[in-house]
């Protein structure tokens, strides 16, 4: 479908086609599994502080609703397109199925730079987007969550806009909300904690001592920063970190508390006094035991995959490794990959917990949330490793096979409405 024309969507489709061939999915079922059920593009005019009117473009893609309502984040980024959002929605479908959540995948976005918008314009844009999406969202239809460029405040505005429209408070319309509005304990940290937990399990699997390991993290947002701190608590040494504005490295290990103070003041890791500069490209091929790409898609490609020097590749981001890079890594055989739909699943798992708590108006403590999270991740990790070894296939192929097969089976049993 030309409307989804984007390199990231092409990459997601290429991954799906490889799995479909392996699973021998009939030709008649492939397009139904691959292409989104619904895609919305909306025009978002808002009044600006200077009295002018500016128009933005918003997107929402719901990949499938065969297992339940759709679930997925909302990102604010200048480069958001319909094709990118469609790819992210597809990956979310396989992620939810892999972890056993009763959801289909979804994703949304607004093409804007939230860092350049005054707070009042950001609120107007969020509320206008929510208003335009009301016919297509709901606690049993589509539930949004934070993603790149969005946060708890954005979710609070969305919840309020939807609730005003309904005439009563509906906390279950979004997840990732502030605790006081029905948010869940441990939701903000969930993705990063999950990444660190699965790295720990991967170390057990390959016999690597995490307490003696070195770690490089690409991306120091919510996922990268929480994962880095959690890994440091496990005893690992964080030797390099980058973000959109630059990066820092220190072979003796970065002091994360001092770095966080620097980031709070400067809004970037670049320029941290107790480290040397490093670029994103240099970080990806720097010597380390564990590499955590936690930024954008398509970072590890056919150009740099052969030069990776890590033993574990833990994909905190969605789609950081292209199929061409996958082929190189599989041929190398010396890098243990924790694929994205497993590695960063902690966020949607605890979003599911938040949704459940909102629906029943009964809330859990952080210890209970984290324990339930780790149990689900442990089960998914064990299944993927077992399938990978039994079938002698890569971890990514194993994870995708498990997720896609479950969605295929749900569609088969439900049938096709005439």
Protein backbone atom coordinates (compact mmCIF):
# COMPACT_ATOMS: atom_id res chain seq x y z
CA UNK A 1 0.00 0.00 0.00
CA UNK A 2 1.59 3.24 -1.18
CA UNK A 3 0.04 5.29 1.64
CA UNK A 4 2.47 3.64 4.07
CA UNK A 5 5.54 4.28 1.92
CA UNK A 6 8.39 4.70 4.42
CA UNK A 7 11.70 2.87 5.00
CA UNK A 8 10.63 1.79 8.49
CA UNK A 9 7.36 0.30 7.26
CA UNK A 10 9.22 -1.47 4.46
CA UNK A 11 11.57 -2.89 7.10
CA UNK A 12 8.67 -4.13 9.25
CA UNK A 13 7.06 -5.74 6.21
CA UNK A 14 10.36 -7.41 5.28
CA UNK A 15 10.57 -8.89 8.78
CA UNK A 16 6.97 -10.10 8.53
CA UNK A 17 7.52 -11.68 5.12
CA UNK A 18 10.50 -13.67 6.41
CA UNK A 19 8.41 -15.00 9.30
CA UNK A 20 5.40 -15.68 7.05
CA UNK A 21 7.60 -17.77 4.78
CA UNK A 22 8.93 -19.74 7.73
CA UNK A 23 5.46 -20.29 9.22
CA UNK A 24 4.08 -21.06 5.74
CA UNK A 25 1.24 -18.60 6.22
CA UNK A 26 -1.17 -18.88 3.27
CA UNK A 27 -0.93 -16.07 0.73
CA UNK A 28 -4.55 -15.10 1.38
CA UNK A 29 -3.86 -14.47 5.06
CA UNK A 30 -0.66 -12.46 4.73
CA UNK A 31 -2.05 -9.06 3.74
CA UNK A 32 -4.76 -9.36 6.39
CA UNK A 33 -2.09 -9.93 9.05
CA UNK A 34 0.32 -7.33 7.69
CA UNK A 35 -1.67 -4.22 6.84
CA UNK A 36 -3.39 -2.03 9.46
CA UNK A 37 -7.11 -2.26 10.08
CA UNK A 38 -7.49 1.51 10.35
CA UNK A 39 -5.33 4.54 9.68
CA UNK A 40 -6.36 8.11 10.46
CA UNK A 41 -4.75 11.36 9.29
CA UNK A 42 -6.12 14.52 10.89
CA UNK A 43 -5.52 18.24 10.41
CA UNK A 44 -4.84 20.10 13.66
CA UNK A 45 -5.20 23.89 13.54
CA UNK A 46 -4.38 25.75 16.77
CA UNK A 47 -4.14 29.37 17.92
CA UNK A 48 -0.55 30.38 18.64
CA UNK A 49 0.72 32.75 21.31
CA UNK A 50 1.43 35.47 18.75
CA UNK A 51 -2.19 35.46 17.56
CA UNK A 52 -1.54 33.47 14.39
CA UNK A 53 -3.02 30.10 13.48
CA UNK A 54 -0.79 27.13 12.69
CA UNK A 55 -1.81 23.79 11.22
CA UNK A 56 -0.19 20.47 12.20
CA UNK A 57 -0.76 16.94 10.95
CA UNK A 58 -1.63 14.06 13.28
CA UNK A 59 -1.73 10.31 12.72
CA UNK A 60 -3.16 7.20 14.39
CA UNK A 61 -2.83 3.65 13.11
CA UNK A 62 -4.69 0.68 14.62
CA UNK A 63 -3.11 -2.49 13.34
CA UNK A 64 -5.63 -5.13 14.44
CA UNK A 65 -8.41 -5.63 17.00
CA UNK A 66 -8.62 -9.43 16.93
CA UNK A 67 -7.37 -9.95 20.51
CA UNK A 68 -8.90 -6.86 22.14
CA UNK A 69 -8.62 -3.07 21.94
CA UNK A 70 -5.53 -1.58 20.34
CA UNK A 71 -2.74 -0.18 22.49
CA UNK A 72 0.19 2.03 21.65
CA UNK A 73 2.06 5.24 22.24
CA UNK A 74 1.73 8.75 20.88
CA UNK A 75 4.93 10.47 19.75
CA UNK A 76 5.58 14.14 19.04
CA UNK A 77 8.48 14.47 16.60
CA UNK A 78 9.16 16.62 13.52
CA UNK A 79 9.74 13.58 11.29
CA UNK A 80 6.62 11.57 12.18
CA UNK A 81 4.91 10.11 9.10
CA UNK A 82 2.03 7.72 8.49
CA UNK A 83 4.38 4.98 7.29
CA UNK A 84 6.58 5.18 10.39
CA UNK A 85 3.53 5.08 12.66
CA UNK A 86 2.16 2.06 10.76
CA UNK A 87 5.43 0.16 11.27
CA UNK A 88 5.42 0.92 14.99
CA UNK A 89 1.79 -0.23 15.24
CA UNK A 90 2.68 -3.52 13.54
CA UNK A 91 5.57 -4.16 15.92
CA UNK A 92 3.28 -3.36 18.85
CA UNK A 93 0.87 -6.06 17.64
CA UNK A 94 3.58 -8.73 17.75
CA UNK A 95 4.88 -7.39 21.08
CA UNK A 96 1.47 -7.59 22.79
CA UNK A 97 0.88 -11.09 21.42
CA UNK A 98 4.33 -12.27 22.47
CA UNK A 99 3.76 -11.14 26.07
CA UNK A 100 0.19 -12.49 26.18
CA UNK A 101 -1.60 -9.13 26.48
CA UNK A 102 -5.20 -8.88 25.22
CA UNK A 103 -4.38 -6.07 22.79
CA UNK A 104 -3.77 -5.31 19.17
CA UNK A 105 -1.05 -2.85 18.28
CA UNK A 106 -1.50 0.85 17.60
CA UNK A 107 0.64 3.97 17.33
CA UNK A 108 0.05 7.67 16.89
CA UNK A 109 2.01 10.81 16.26
CA UNK A 110 1.99 14.51 15.54
CA UNK A 111 4.60 16.05 13.24
CA UNK A 112 5.94 18.75 15.55
CA UNK A 113 8.91 19.63 17.74
CA UNK A 114 7.52 19.69 21.29
CA UNK A 115 10.68 21.34 22.66
CA UNK A 116 10.01 24.44 20.55
CA UNK A 117 6.36 24.81 21.52
CA UNK A 118 5.20 27.00 24.43
CA UNK A 119 3.28 25.05 27.06
CA UNK A 120 -0.04 26.62 26.07
CA UNK A 121 0.40 25.65 22.39
CA UNK A 122 1.46 22.12 23.36
CA UNK A 123 -1.72 21.77 25.41
CA UNK A 124 -3.92 23.11 22.59
CA UNK A 125 -2.30 20.74 20.10
CA UNK A 126 -2.75 17.75 22.41
CA UNK A 127 -6.38 18.55 23.13
CA UNK A 128 -7.18 19.19 19.46
CA UNK A 129 -5.63 15.85 18.47
CA UNK A 130 -7.61 14.04 21.18
CA UNK A 131 -10.84 15.72 20.07
CA UNK A 132 -10.27 14.66 16.46
CA UNK A 133 -9.58 11.08 17.57
CA UNK A 134 -12.65 10.66 19.81
CA UNK A 135 -14.65 8.67 17.19
CA UNK A 136 -11.81 6.13 17.00
CA UNK A 137 -10.61 5.74 20.61
CA UNK A 138 -12.00 4.48 23.91
CA UNK A 139 -11.10 2.17 26.82
CA UNK A 140 -12.40 -0.82 24.82
CA UNK A 141 -11.31 0.48 21.40
CA UNK A 142 -7.88 2.15 21.48
CA UNK A 143 -5.82 3.26 24.50
CA UNK A 144 -2.92 5.69 24.06
CA UNK A 145 0.30 6.04 26.08
CA UNK A 146 3.42 8.23 26.12
CA UNK A 147 6.15 7.78 23.55
CA UNK A 148 8.98 9.91 22.18
CA UNK A 149 8.30 13.59 22.88
CA UNK A 150 5.27 12.96 25.12
CA UNK A 151 4.91 12.46 28.86
CA UNK A 152 2.55 12.22 31.83
CA UNK A 153 1.29 15.77 31.32
CA UNK A 154 0.32 15.07 27.71
CA UNK A 155 -1.60 12.00 28.88
CA UNK A 156 -3.37 14.05 31.57
CA UNK A 157 -4.57 16.57 28.96
CA UNK A 158 -5.78 13.73 26.74
CA UNK A 159 -7.65 12.08 29.59
CA UNK A 160 -9.28 15.38 30.55
CA UNK A 161 -10.33 16.16 26.96
CA UNK A 162 -11.91 12.75 26.50
CA UNK A 163 -13.57 12.89 29.94
CA UNK A 164 -15.09 16.33 29.28
CA UNK A 165 -16.53 14.97 26.03
CA UNK A 166 -18.03 11.94 27.82
CA UNK A 167 -19.31 13.93 30.78
CA UNK A 168 -17.53 11.85 33.43
CA UNK A 169 -13.96 10.94 34.34
CA UNK A 170 -12.49 8.14 32.20
CA UNK A 171 -8.98 7.35 33.51
CA UNK A 172 -8.72 4.16 31.40
CA UNK A 173 -8.64 6.11 28.11
CA UNK A 174 -4.84 6.54 28.38
CA UNK A 175 -1.97 5.02 30.34
CA UNK A 176 1.22 6.64 31.53
CA UNK A 177 -0.80 9.23 33.47
CA UNK A 178 0.27 10.94 36.70
CA UNK A 179 -0.28 8.72 39.75
CA UNK A 180 -2.89 11.11 41.14
CA UNK A 181 -5.08 10.72 38.05
CA UNK A 182 -5.09 6.93 38.00
CA UNK A 183 -1.58 6.23 36.80
CA UNK A 184 0.26 3.11 37.90
CA UNK A 185 3.21 2.87 40.21
CA UNK A 186 6.29 1.90 38.23
CA UNK A 187 4.88 2.83 34.79
CA UNK A 188 7.49 5.48 33.94
CA UNK A 189 10.38 3.17 34.81
CA UNK A 190 8.84 0.01 33.33
CA UNK A 191 10.51 -0.07 29.90
CA UNK A 192 14.01 0.66 31.22
CA UNK A 193 13.61 -1.77 34.12
CA UNK A 194 12.47 -4.43 31.70
CA UNK A 195 15.48 -3.84 29.46
CA UNK A 196 17.84 -4.23 32.43
CA UNK A 197 16.04 -7.36 33.70
CA UNK A 198 16.27 -9.05 30.31
CA UNK A 199 19.94 -8.10 29.96
CA UNK A 200 20.52 -9.78 33.31
CA UNK A 201 18.74 -12.91 32.04
CA UNK A 202 20.74 -12.81 28.80
CA UNK A 203 23.95 -12.64 30.82
CA UNK A 204 22.86 -15.77 32.70
CA UNK A 205 22.12 -17.46 29.39
CA UNK A 206 25.52 -16.82 27.78
CA UNK A 207 27.59 -16.96 30.97
CA UNK A 208 28.54 -13.28 31.16
CA UNK A 209 29.11 -11.74 34.61
CA UNK A 210 26.96 -8.60 34.57
CA UNK A 211 28.81 -7.25 37.61
CA UNK A 212 31.99 -7.12 35.52
CA UNK A 213 30.38 -6.01 32.24
CA UNK A 214 30.70 -2.73 30.36
CA UNK A 215 27.66 -1.03 28.80
CA UNK A 216 27.12 1.55 26.04
CA UNK A 217 23.71 3.21 25.75
CA UNK A 218 22.46 5.08 22.69
CA UNK A 219 19.67 7.42 23.74
CA UNK A 220 19.32 8.88 27.23
CA UNK A 221 15.59 9.48 27.35
CA UNK A 222 13.16 7.67 29.61
CA UNK A 223 14.21 4.20 28.45
CA UNK A 224 17.98 4.68 28.20
CA UNK A 225 18.39 6.58 31.46
CA UNK A 226 16.35 4.13 33.56
CA UNK A 227 18.04 1.13 31.94
CA UNK A 228 21.50 2.60 32.58
CA UNK A 229 20.75 3.25 36.25
CA UNK A 230 19.25 -0.23 36.73
CA UNK A 231 22.27 -1.87 35.07
CA UNK A 232 24.62 0.17 37.26
CA UNK A 233 22.75 -1.14 40.30
CA UNK A 234 23.34 -4.68 38.99
CA UNK A 235 27.06 -3.79 39.09
CA UNK A 236 27.68 -3.07 35.40
CA UNK A 237 29.95 -0.22 34.33
CA UNK A 238 28.30 2.34 32.01
CA UNK A 239 31.16 3.50 29.77
CA UNK A 240 29.38 5.50 27.03
CA UNK A 241 26.08 7.34 26.53
CA UNK A 242 24.78 9.43 23.64
CA UNK A 243 21.66 11.44 22.89
CA UNK A 244 20.41 13.55 19.99
CA UNK A 245 22.91 16.32 20.74
CA UNK A 246 26.12 14.39 21.37
CA UNK A 247 27.66 11.85 23.67
CA UNK A 248 30.20 11.10 26.40
CA UNK A 249 32.47 8.20 27.27
CA UNK A 250 34.67 7.22 30.19
CA UNK A 251 36.43 3.84 30.22
CA UNK A 252 36.47 3.91 34.03
CA UNK A 253 32.68 4.30 34.12
CA UNK A 254 30.35 7.29 34.11
CA UNK A 255 29.01 8.66 37.40
CA UNK A 256 25.31 8.57 36.54
CA UNK A 257 24.18 10.74 39.43
CA UNK A 258 26.51 13.54 38.39
CA UNK A 259 25.54 12.99 34.76
CA UNK A 260 21.84 13.29 35.61
CA UNK A 261 22.52 16.60 37.36
CA UNK A 262 24.30 17.80 34.22
CA UNK A 263 21.41 16.62 31.99
CA UNK A 264 18.84 18.36 34.21
CA UNK A 265 20.71 21.65 33.71
CA UNK A 266 21.78 21.29 30.07
CA UNK A 267 19.12 18.93 28.63
CA UNK A 268 21.86 16.83 27.04
CA UNK A 269 24.68 14.52 28.08
CA UNK A 270 27.05 16.44 25.78
CA UNK A 271 29.62 18.53 27.59
CA UNK A 272 29.69 16.44 30.78
CA UNK A 273 32.96 17.40 32.46
CA UNK A 274 34.03 13.96 33.68
CA UNK A 275 34.08 12.31 30.24
CA UNK A 276 35.35 12.52 26.69
CA UNK A 277 33.07 13.23 23.70
CA UNK A 278 31.78 10.41 21.48
CA UNK A 279 29.37 10.40 18.54
CA UNK A 280 26.38 8.13 18.02
CA UNK A 281 28.19 6.37 15.19
CA UNK A 282 31.27 5.79 17.34
CA UNK A 283 29.21 4.49 20.27
CA UNK A 284 27.55 1.77 18.18
CA UNK A 285 30.92 0.21 17.32
CA UNK A 286 32.73 0.99 20.58
CA UNK A 287 34.16 -1.95 22.56
CA UNK A 288 31.63 -3.01 25.23
CA UNK A 289 29.98 -6.14 26.55
CA UNK A 290 26.42 -4.82 26.24
CA UNK A 291 25.09 -2.37 23.65
CA UNK A 292 21.70 -0.78 24.29
CA UNK A 293 20.26 1.13 21.31
CA UNK A 294 17.44 3.08 22.95
CA UNK A 295 16.87 5.89 20.46
CA UNK A 296 15.48 5.77 16.91
CA UNK A 297 14.82 3.09 14.29
CA UNK A 298 17.38 1.74 11.79
CA UNK A 299 20.56 2.57 13.68
CA UNK A 300 22.35 -0.76 13.18
CA UNK A 301 22.56 -1.40 9.46
CA UNK A 302 24.44 -3.39 6.88
CA UNK A 303 27.17 -0.73 7.05
CA UNK A 304 28.08 -1.08 10.73
CA UNK A 305 26.75 -4.48 11.88
CA UNK A 306 30.01 -6.27 11.11
CA UNK A 307 31.87 -3.78 13.33
CA UNK A 308 29.78 -4.23 16.50
CA UNK A 309 32.02 -5.30 19.39
CA UNK A 310 29.36 -6.19 21.95
CA UNK A 311 28.35 -9.63 23.24
CA UNK A 312 24.74 -8.65 23.96
CA UNK A 313 22.61 -6.34 21.80
CA UNK A 314 19.60 -5.22 23.85
CA UNK A 315 17.11 -3.32 21.70
CA UNK A 316 15.52 -0.71 23.94
CA UNK A 317 14.28 1.17 20.85
CA UNK A 318 11.76 -0.06 18.29
CA UNK A 319 13.34 -1.37 15.09
CA UNK A 320 16.94 -0.29 15.71
CA UNK A 321 18.37 -3.16 13.63
CA UNK A 322 17.64 -3.56 9.92
CA UNK A 323 17.10 -6.96 8.26
CA UNK A 324 20.44 -6.53 6.45
CA UNK A 325 22.17 -6.08 9.81
CA UNK A 326 20.26 -9.06 11.21
CA UNK A 327 21.66 -11.26 8.48
CA UNK A 328 25.20 -10.14 9.29
CA UNK A 329 24.77 -10.67 13.02
CA UNK A 330 23.24 -14.10 12.48
CA UNK A 331 26.18 -15.08 10.28
CA UNK A 332 28.62 -13.81 12.90
CA UNK A 333 26.94 -15.82 15.65
CA UNK A 334 28.80 -14.07 18.48
CA UNK A 335 26.18 -11.46 19.45
CA UNK A 336 23.18 -12.44 21.61
CA UNK A 337 20.27 -10.27 20.43
CA UNK A 338 17.35 -9.40 22.70
CA UNK A 339 14.89 -8.28 19.99
CA UNK A 340 12.88 -5.11 20.39
CA UNK A 341 9.44 -6.71 20.69
CA UNK A 342 10.76 -8.55 23.75
CA UNK A 343 13.40 -6.19 25.11
CA UNK A 344 11.28 -3.04 25.38
CA UNK A 345 7.96 -4.76 26.18
CA UNK A 346 8.04 -3.62 29.82
CA UNK A 347 6.29 -0.35 28.98
CA UNK A 348 3.22 -1.90 27.39
CA UNK A 349 3.06 -4.60 30.08
CA UNK A 350 2.78 -2.03 32.87
CA UNK A 351 0.47 0.08 30.69
CA UNK A 352 -1.76 -3.01 30.65
CA UNK A 353 -1.52 -3.14 34.44
CA UNK A 354 -2.52 0.54 34.62
CA UNK A 355 -5.50 -0.04 32.33
CA UNK A 356 -6.64 -3.01 34.45
CA UNK A 357 -6.27 -0.99 37.67
CA UNK A 358 -8.26 1.91 36.18
CA UNK A 359 -11.07 -0.39 35.01
CA UNK A 360 -11.47 -1.93 38.47
CA UNK A 361 -10.55 1.19 40.50
CA UNK A 362 -8.17 -0.91 42.58
CA UNK A 363 -4.49 -0.03 42.60
CA UNK A 364 -1.31 -1.97 43.36
CA UNK A 365 1.94 -0.98 45.03
CA UNK A 366 5.17 -0.62 43.08
CA UNK A 367 6.61 -3.88 44.42
CA UNK A 368 3.57 -5.82 43.18
CA UNK A 369 3.70 -4.08 39.78
CA UNK A 370 7.41 -4.81 39.33
CA UNK A 371 7.01 -8.44 40.43
CA UNK A 372 4.17 -9.00 37.94
CA UNK A 373 6.21 -7.27 35.21
CA UNK A 374 9.24 -9.49 35.74
CA UNK A 375 7.08 -12.63 35.74
CA UNK A 376 5.62 -11.79 32.34
CA UNK A 377 9.02 -10.87 30.89
CA UNK A 378 10.55 -14.05 32.30
CA UNK A 379 7.87 -16.17 30.67
CA UNK A 380 8.29 -14.42 27.31
CA UNK A 381 12.11 -14.61 27.47
CA UNK A 382 12.03 -18.32 28.28
CA UNK A 383 9.64 -19.02 25.39
CA UNK A 384 11.76 -17.09 22.88
CA UNK A 385 15.05 -18.66 23.96
CA UNK A 386 13.49 -22.13 23.90
CA UNK A 387 11.96 -21.59 20.46
CA UNK A 388 15.21 -20.14 19.13
CA UNK A 389 17.24 -23.12 20.29
CA UNK A 390 14.69 -25.76 19.31
CA UNK A 391 14.19 -24.39 15.80
CA UNK A 392 17.82 -23.22 15.41
CA UNK A 393 16.71 -19.72 14.43
CA UNK A 394 17.67 -16.23 15.59
CA UNK A 395 16.13 -14.66 18.68
CA UNK A 396 14.33 -12.11 16.51
CA UNK A 397 12.87 -14.76 14.25
CA UNK A 398 11.79 -16.76 17.30
CA UNK A 399 10.10 -13.78 18.98
CA UNK A 400 8.30 -12.74 15.80
CA UNK A 401 7.20 -16.31 15.09
CA UNK A 402 5.60 -16.59 18.53
CA UNK A 403 3.84 -13.22 18.30
CA UNK A 404 2.64 -13.46 14.70
CA UNK A 405 1.45 -17.05 15.13
CA UNK A 406 -0.79 -16.00 18.03
CA UNK A 407 -2.39 -13.19 16.02
CA UNK A 408 -2.83 -15.51 13.03
CA UNK A 409 -4.53 -18.10 15.23
CA UNK A 410 -6.88 -15.50 16.75
CA UNK A 411 -7.95 -14.34 13.29
CA UNK A 412 -8.43 -17.94 12.15
CA UNK A 413 -10.64 -18.87 15.10
CA UNK A 414 -12.71 -15.68 14.90
CA UNK A 415 -13.17 -16.10 11.15
CA UNK A 416 -13.82 -13.43 8.54
CA UNK A 417 -17.13 -11.56 8.83
CA UNK A 418 -18.93 -11.66 5.43
